[in-house]
Amino acid sequence: MKFYQKPTCSTCRKAKKWLAENSVKATEIDLNQGLSEAELDALIGKRDYTKFLNFRNELYRERKMKANPPTRAEAIKLMSQHPNLIRRPILVQGSKIALGFDEDEFRELTGR
């Protein structure tokens, strides 16, 4: 299991606390270090790439990405260059994924 997070993100800290309280072991990946385009492409896979965009991010709002989403390739490039544009936290278990912290989704994914 992998847990993509940003240590300064309050939602990520809540999710990390939930994982600890439920004895879930996960490899932590700090999104501050950024992800390469190849890593992002593999993480997104065949899923809707727009769900990985952080709608609270300034760049997202400036470029009006909700109304005019970038292409998949452009979105991946932007997320690689601007890690804060990646929605977080992300919990990955095999081919399953939870975007953002939703306790029910985390329970389902971890079996807790």
N, C-alpha and C. Protein backbone atom coordinates (compact mmCIF):
# COMPACT_ATOMS: atom_id res chain seq x y z
N MET A 1 0.84 -1.17 0.00
CA MET A 1 0.00 0.00 0.00
C MET A 1 0.89 1.24 0.00
N LYS A 2 0.47 2.25 -0.79
CA LYS A 2 1.22 3.50 -0.87
C LYS A 2 0.32 4.65 -0.45
N PHE A 3 0.92 5.60 0.26
CA PHE A 3 0.21 6.77 0.75
C PHE A 3 0.94 8.01 0.26
N TYR A 4 0.36 8.67 -0.74
CA TYR A 4 0.93 9.90 -1.29
C TYR A 4 0.35 11.06 -0.50
N GLN A 5 1.25 11.89 0.04
CA GLN A 5 0.78 12.97 0.91
C GLN A 5 1.77 14.12 0.94
N LYS A 6 1.31 15.21 1.50
CA LYS A 6 2.15 16.39 1.72
C LYS A 6 2.10 16.65 3.22
N PRO A 7 3.24 16.57 3.92
CA PRO A 7 3.25 16.69 5.38
C PRO A 7 2.57 17.94 5.95
N THR A 8 2.55 19.03 5.20
CA THR A 8 1.96 20.26 5.71
C THR A 8 0.46 20.36 5.44
N CYS A 9 -0.08 19.41 4.73
CA CYS A 9 -1.51 19.41 4.37
C CYS A 9 -2.33 18.86 5.54
N SER A 10 -3.30 19.65 6.02
CA SER A 10 -4.10 19.22 7.18
C SER A 10 -4.93 17.97 6.86
N THR A 11 -5.45 17.86 5.66
CA THR A 11 -6.22 16.67 5.28
C THR A 11 -5.31 15.44 5.24
N CYS A 12 -4.09 15.62 4.75
CA CYS A 12 -3.12 14.52 4.72
C CYS A 12 -2.78 14.07 6.14
N ARG A 13 -2.63 15.04 7.05
CA ARG A 13 -2.32 14.69 8.44
C ARG A 13 -3.47 13.91 9.07
N LYS A 14 -4.72 14.30 8.77
CA LYS A 14 -5.88 13.55 9.28
C LYS A 14 -5.87 12.13 8.74
N ALA A 15 -5.60 11.99 7.46
CA ALA A 15 -5.57 10.67 6.83
C ALA A 15 -4.45 9.81 7.42
N LYS A 16 -3.29 10.42 7.64
CA LYS A 16 -2.15 9.70 8.21
C LYS A 16 -2.49 9.23 9.63
N LYS A 17 -3.16 10.09 10.39
CA LYS A 17 -3.57 9.74 11.75
C LYS A 17 -4.55 8.57 11.70
N TRP A 18 -5.50 8.61 10.77
CA TRP A 18 -6.47 7.52 10.63
C TRP A 18 -5.76 6.21 10.31
N LEU A 19 -4.78 6.27 9.40
CA LEU A 19 -4.03 5.06 9.04
C LEU A 19 -3.32 4.50 10.28
N ALA A 20 -2.69 5.37 11.07
CA ALA A 20 -1.98 4.93 12.28
C ALA A 20 -2.95 4.34 13.30
N GLU A 21 -4.07 5.00 13.52
CA GLU A 21 -5.07 4.53 14.49
C GLU A 21 -5.67 3.18 14.10
N ASN A 22 -5.67 2.89 12.80
CA ASN A 22 -6.23 1.64 12.31
C ASN A 22 -5.17 0.62 11.94
N SER A 23 -3.94 0.89 12.40
CA SER A 23 -2.81 -0.02 12.19
C SER A 23 -2.60 -0.41 10.73
N VAL A 24 -2.74 0.58 9.87
CA VAL A 24 -2.52 0.35 8.43
C VAL A 24 -1.10 0.76 8.10
N LYS A 25 -0.35 -0.17 7.55
CA LYS A 25 1.02 0.12 7.14
C LYS A 25 1.01 0.51 5.66
N ALA A 26 1.62 1.64 5.38
CA ALA A 26 1.70 2.12 4.00
C ALA A 26 3.03 2.83 3.79
N THR A 27 3.57 2.68 2.60
CA THR A 27 4.78 3.39 2.23
C THR A 27 4.39 4.84 1.93
N GLU A 28 5.01 5.76 2.64
CA GLU A 28 4.68 7.18 2.45
C GLU A 28 5.51 7.79 1.33
N ILE A 29 4.83 8.54 0.49
CA ILE A 29 5.50 9.25 -0.60
C ILE A 29 5.15 10.72 -0.44
N ASP A 30 6.19 11.54 -0.27
CA ASP A 30 6.02 12.98 -0.05
C ASP A 30 5.85 13.67 -1.40
N LEU A 31 4.67 14.23 -1.61
CA LEU A 31 4.39 14.90 -2.88
C LEU A 31 5.20 16.19 -3.04
N ASN A 32 5.79 16.71 -1.96
CA ASN A 32 6.67 17.87 -2.08
C ASN A 32 7.88 17.55 -2.96
N GLN A 33 8.25 16.27 -2.99
CA GLN A 33 9.40 15.86 -3.81
C GLN A 33 9.02 15.81 -5.28
N GLY A 34 7.72 15.83 -5.54
CA GLY A 34 7.22 15.80 -6.91
C GLY A 34 7.23 14.39 -7.48
N LEU A 35 6.48 14.22 -8.53
CA LEU A 35 6.43 12.95 -9.25
C LEU A 35 6.77 13.24 -10.71
N SER A 36 7.44 12.31 -11.34
CA SER A 36 7.77 12.50 -12.76
C SER A 36 6.49 12.31 -13.58
N GLU A 37 6.55 12.72 -14.82
CA GLU A 37 5.40 12.53 -15.71
C GLU A 37 5.09 11.04 -15.84
N ALA A 38 6.12 10.20 -15.93
CA ALA A 38 5.93 8.75 -16.06
C ALA A 38 5.27 8.19 -14.80
N GLU A 39 5.70 8.66 -13.62
CA GLU A 39 5.10 8.20 -12.36
C GLU A 39 3.62 8.60 -12.27
N LEU A 40 3.33 9.83 -12.66
CA LEU A 40 1.94 10.30 -12.64
C LEU A 40 1.09 9.53 -13.64
N ASP A 41 1.64 9.30 -14.83
CA ASP A 41 0.91 8.55 -15.85
C ASP A 41 0.56 7.15 -15.35
N ALA A 42 1.53 6.50 -14.69
CA ALA A 42 1.30 5.15 -14.15
C ALA A 42 0.28 5.20 -13.00
N LEU A 43 0.37 6.21 -12.15
CA LEU A 43 -0.54 6.33 -11.01
C LEU A 43 -1.98 6.54 -11.50
N ILE A 44 -2.16 7.40 -12.48
CA ILE A 44 -3.49 7.71 -13.00
C ILE A 44 -4.04 6.52 -13.80
N GLY A 45 -3.16 5.88 -14.56
CA GLY A 45 -3.59 4.73 -15.35
C GLY A 45 -4.73 5.11 -16.29
N LYS A 46 -5.78 4.30 -16.29
CA LYS A 46 -6.93 4.54 -17.19
C LYS A 46 -8.02 5.36 -16.52
N ARG A 47 -7.75 5.84 -15.33
CA ARG A 47 -8.74 6.64 -14.60
C ARG A 47 -8.89 8.03 -15.22
N ASP A 48 -9.93 8.72 -14.82
CA ASP A 48 -10.16 10.09 -15.27
C ASP A 48 -9.09 10.99 -14.64
N TYR A 49 -8.20 11.48 -15.47
CA TYR A 49 -7.08 12.30 -14.98
C TYR A 49 -7.55 13.58 -14.31
N THR A 50 -8.73 14.10 -14.69
CA THR A 50 -9.18 15.36 -14.10
C THR A 50 -9.49 15.22 -12.61
N LYS A 51 -9.77 14.00 -12.16
CA LYS A 51 -10.05 13.77 -10.73
C LYS A 51 -8.78 13.92 -9.89
N PHE A 52 -7.60 13.88 -10.53
CA PHE A 52 -6.33 14.01 -9.83
C PHE A 52 -5.91 15.48 -9.69
N LEU A 53 -6.65 16.38 -10.32
CA LEU A 53 -6.33 17.81 -10.23
C LEU A 53 -6.94 18.39 -8.95
N ASN A 54 -6.13 19.14 -8.24
CA ASN A 54 -6.56 19.77 -6.98
C ASN A 54 -7.34 21.04 -7.31
N PHE A 55 -8.68 20.95 -7.20
CA PHE A 55 -9.53 22.09 -7.56
C PHE A 55 -9.37 23.27 -6.62
N ARG A 56 -8.68 23.08 -5.49
CA ARG A 56 -8.44 24.20 -4.57
C ARG A 56 -7.14 24.95 -4.89
N ASN A 57 -6.39 24.44 -5.84
CA ASN A 57 -5.10 25.02 -6.20
C ASN A 57 -5.29 26.32 -6.99
N GLU A 58 -4.41 27.28 -6.73
CA GLU A 58 -4.48 28.58 -7.40
C GLU A 58 -4.35 28.45 -8.92
N LEU A 59 -3.42 27.62 -9.38
CA LEU A 59 -3.21 27.43 -10.81
C LEU A 59 -4.47 26.85 -11.46
N TYR A 60 -5.12 25.94 -10.77
CA TYR A 60 -6.37 25.33 -11.25
C TYR A 60 -7.42 26.42 -11.48
N ARG A 61 -7.53 27.32 -10.51
CA ARG A 61 -8.52 28.40 -10.61
C ARG A 61 -8.12 29.44 -11.66
N GLU A 62 -6.83 29.80 -11.67
CA GLU A 62 -6.34 30.81 -12.63
C GLU A 62 -6.61 30.38 -14.07
N ARG A 63 -6.37 29.10 -14.33
CA ARG A 63 -6.54 28.58 -15.70
C ARG A 63 -7.95 28.08 -15.98
N LYS A 64 -8.84 28.28 -15.00
CA LYS A 64 -10.24 27.87 -15.15
C LYS A 64 -10.35 26.44 -15.67
N MET A 65 -9.63 25.54 -14.99
CA MET A 65 -9.55 24.15 -15.43
C MET A 65 -10.88 23.41 -15.30
N LYS A 66 -11.75 23.87 -14.41
CA LYS A 66 -13.05 23.19 -14.28
C LYS A 66 -13.84 23.34 -15.58
N ALA A 67 -13.90 24.56 -16.09
CA ALA A 67 -14.64 24.82 -17.32
C ALA A 67 -13.87 24.42 -18.56
N ASN A 68 -12.54 24.50 -18.47
CA ASN A 68 -11.70 24.23 -19.64
C ASN A 68 -10.54 23.33 -19.23
N PRO A 69 -10.81 22.04 -18.98
CA PRO A 69 -9.74 21.15 -18.50
C PRO A 69 -8.62 20.99 -19.52
N PRO A 70 -7.39 20.87 -19.02
CA PRO A 70 -6.26 20.64 -19.93
C PRO A 70 -6.35 19.22 -20.50
N THR A 71 -5.59 18.96 -21.55
CA THR A 71 -5.53 17.59 -22.07
C THR A 71 -4.84 16.73 -21.03
N ARG A 72 -4.96 15.43 -21.16
CA ARG A 72 -4.31 14.51 -20.21
C ARG A 72 -2.81 14.78 -20.15
N ALA A 73 -2.18 14.88 -21.31
CA ALA A 73 -0.72 15.10 -21.36
C ALA A 73 -0.34 16.42 -20.69
N GLU A 74 -1.12 17.46 -20.96
CA GLU A 74 -0.83 18.77 -20.36
C GLU A 74 -1.04 18.72 -18.84
N ALA A 75 -2.11 18.06 -18.41
CA ALA A 75 -2.40 17.95 -16.97
C ALA A 75 -1.27 17.22 -16.26
N ILE A 76 -0.79 16.12 -16.84
CA ILE A 76 0.30 15.35 -16.24
C ILE A 76 1.57 16.20 -16.17
N LYS A 77 1.84 16.94 -17.23
CA LYS A 77 3.02 17.80 -17.24
C LYS A 77 2.91 18.88 -16.16
N LEU A 78 1.74 19.50 -16.05
CA LEU A 78 1.53 20.55 -15.05
C LEU A 78 1.64 19.99 -13.63
N MET A 79 1.05 18.81 -13.38
CA MET A 79 1.13 18.21 -12.04
C MET A 79 2.56 17.84 -11.70
N SER A 80 3.33 17.45 -12.71
CA SER A 80 4.74 17.12 -12.49
C SER A 80 5.54 18.37 -12.11
N GLN A 81 5.22 19.48 -12.76
CA GLN A 81 5.92 20.75 -12.51
C GLN A 81 5.41 21.46 -11.25
N HIS A 82 4.14 21.24 -10.91
CA HIS A 82 3.50 21.92 -9.78
C HIS A 82 2.83 20.87 -8.88
N PRO A 83 3.59 20.25 -7.99
CA PRO A 83 3.03 19.18 -7.13
C PRO A 83 1.80 19.57 -6.34
N ASN A 84 1.63 20.86 -6.04
CA ASN A 84 0.42 21.29 -5.30
C ASN A 84 -0.84 21.16 -6.14
N LEU A 85 -0.67 20.95 -7.44
CA LEU A 85 -1.82 20.78 -8.33
C LEU A 85 -2.37 19.35 -8.24
N ILE A 86 -1.64 18.46 -7.57
CA ILE A 86 -2.08 17.07 -7.41
C ILE A 86 -3.03 17.00 -6.21
N ARG A 87 -4.21 16.44 -6.44
CA ARG A 87 -5.15 16.25 -5.33
C ARG A 87 -4.56 15.26 -4.34
N ARG A 88 -4.75 15.52 -3.07
CA ARG A 88 -4.14 14.68 -2.05
C ARG A 88 -5.05 14.56 -0.85
N PRO A 89 -4.81 13.60 0.01
CA PRO A 89 -3.87 12.49 -0.11
C PRO A 89 -4.39 11.45 -1.11
N ILE A 90 -3.49 10.54 -1.49
CA ILE A 90 -3.85 9.44 -2.38
C ILE A 90 -3.41 8.16 -1.69
N LEU A 91 -4.34 7.23 -1.55
CA LEU A 91 -4.03 5.92 -0.97
C LEU A 91 -4.20 4.89 -2.07
N VAL A 92 -3.17 4.09 -2.29
CA VAL A 92 -3.18 3.09 -3.37
C VAL A 92 -2.98 1.70 -2.78
N GLN A 93 -3.89 0.81 -3.13
CA GLN A 93 -3.80 -0.61 -2.74
C GLN A 93 -4.00 -1.41 -4.02
N GLY A 94 -2.90 -1.93 -4.57
CA GLY A 94 -3.00 -2.67 -5.83
C GLY A 94 -3.52 -1.76 -6.93
N SER A 95 -4.62 -2.17 -7.56
CA SER A 95 -5.19 -1.36 -8.64
C SER A 95 -6.28 -0.41 -8.13
N LYS A 96 -6.55 -0.44 -6.82
CA LYS A 96 -7.57 0.43 -6.23
C LYS A 96 -6.93 1.69 -5.67
N ILE A 97 -7.72 2.76 -5.68
CA ILE A 97 -7.18 4.05 -5.26
C ILE A 97 -8.26 4.88 -4.55
N ALA A 98 -7.83 5.67 -3.57
CA ALA A 98 -8.72 6.63 -2.90
C ALA A 98 -8.07 8.00 -3.04
N LEU A 99 -8.82 8.93 -3.61
CA LEU A 99 -8.34 10.31 -3.79
C LEU A 99 -8.97 11.20 -2.74
N GLY A 100 -8.15 11.96 -2.06
CA GLY A 100 -8.67 12.79 -0.97
C GLY A 100 -8.91 11.87 0.23
N PHE A 101 -9.28 12.45 1.36
CA PHE A 101 -9.52 11.62 2.54
C PHE A 101 -11.00 11.47 2.78
N ASP A 102 -11.49 10.28 2.46
CA ASP A 102 -12.87 9.90 2.74
C ASP A 102 -12.75 8.63 3.58
N GLU A 103 -13.17 8.73 4.84
CA GLU A 103 -13.00 7.62 5.77
C GLU A 103 -13.61 6.32 5.25
N ASP A 104 -14.78 6.41 4.63
CA ASP A 104 -15.43 5.22 4.09
C ASP A 104 -14.60 4.58 2.98
N GLU A 105 -14.06 5.40 2.10
CA GLU A 105 -13.21 4.88 1.03
C GLU A 105 -11.94 4.25 1.60
N PHE A 106 -11.37 4.88 2.62
CA PHE A 106 -10.17 4.34 3.25
C PHE A 106 -10.49 2.99 3.90
N ARG A 107 -11.65 2.91 4.56
CA ARG A 107 -12.06 1.63 5.19
C ARG A 107 -12.19 0.54 4.14
N GLU A 108 -12.85 0.87 3.05
CA GLU A 108 -13.05 -0.11 1.99
C GLU A 108 -11.72 -0.58 1.41
N LEU A 109 -10.83 0.36 1.19
CA LEU A 109 -9.54 0.06 0.58
C LEU A 109 -8.63 -0.75 1.50
N THR A 110 -8.71 -0.46 2.79
CA THR A 110 -7.81 -1.12 3.75
C THR A 110 -8.44 -2.32 4.44
N GLY A 111 -9.74 -2.47 4.29
CA GLY A 111 -10.42 -3.57 4.98
C GLY A 111 -10.53 -3.34 6.48
N ARG A 112 -10.46 -2.10 6.93
CA ARG A 112 -10.53 -1.77 8.37
C ARG A 112 -11.87 -1.20 8.74
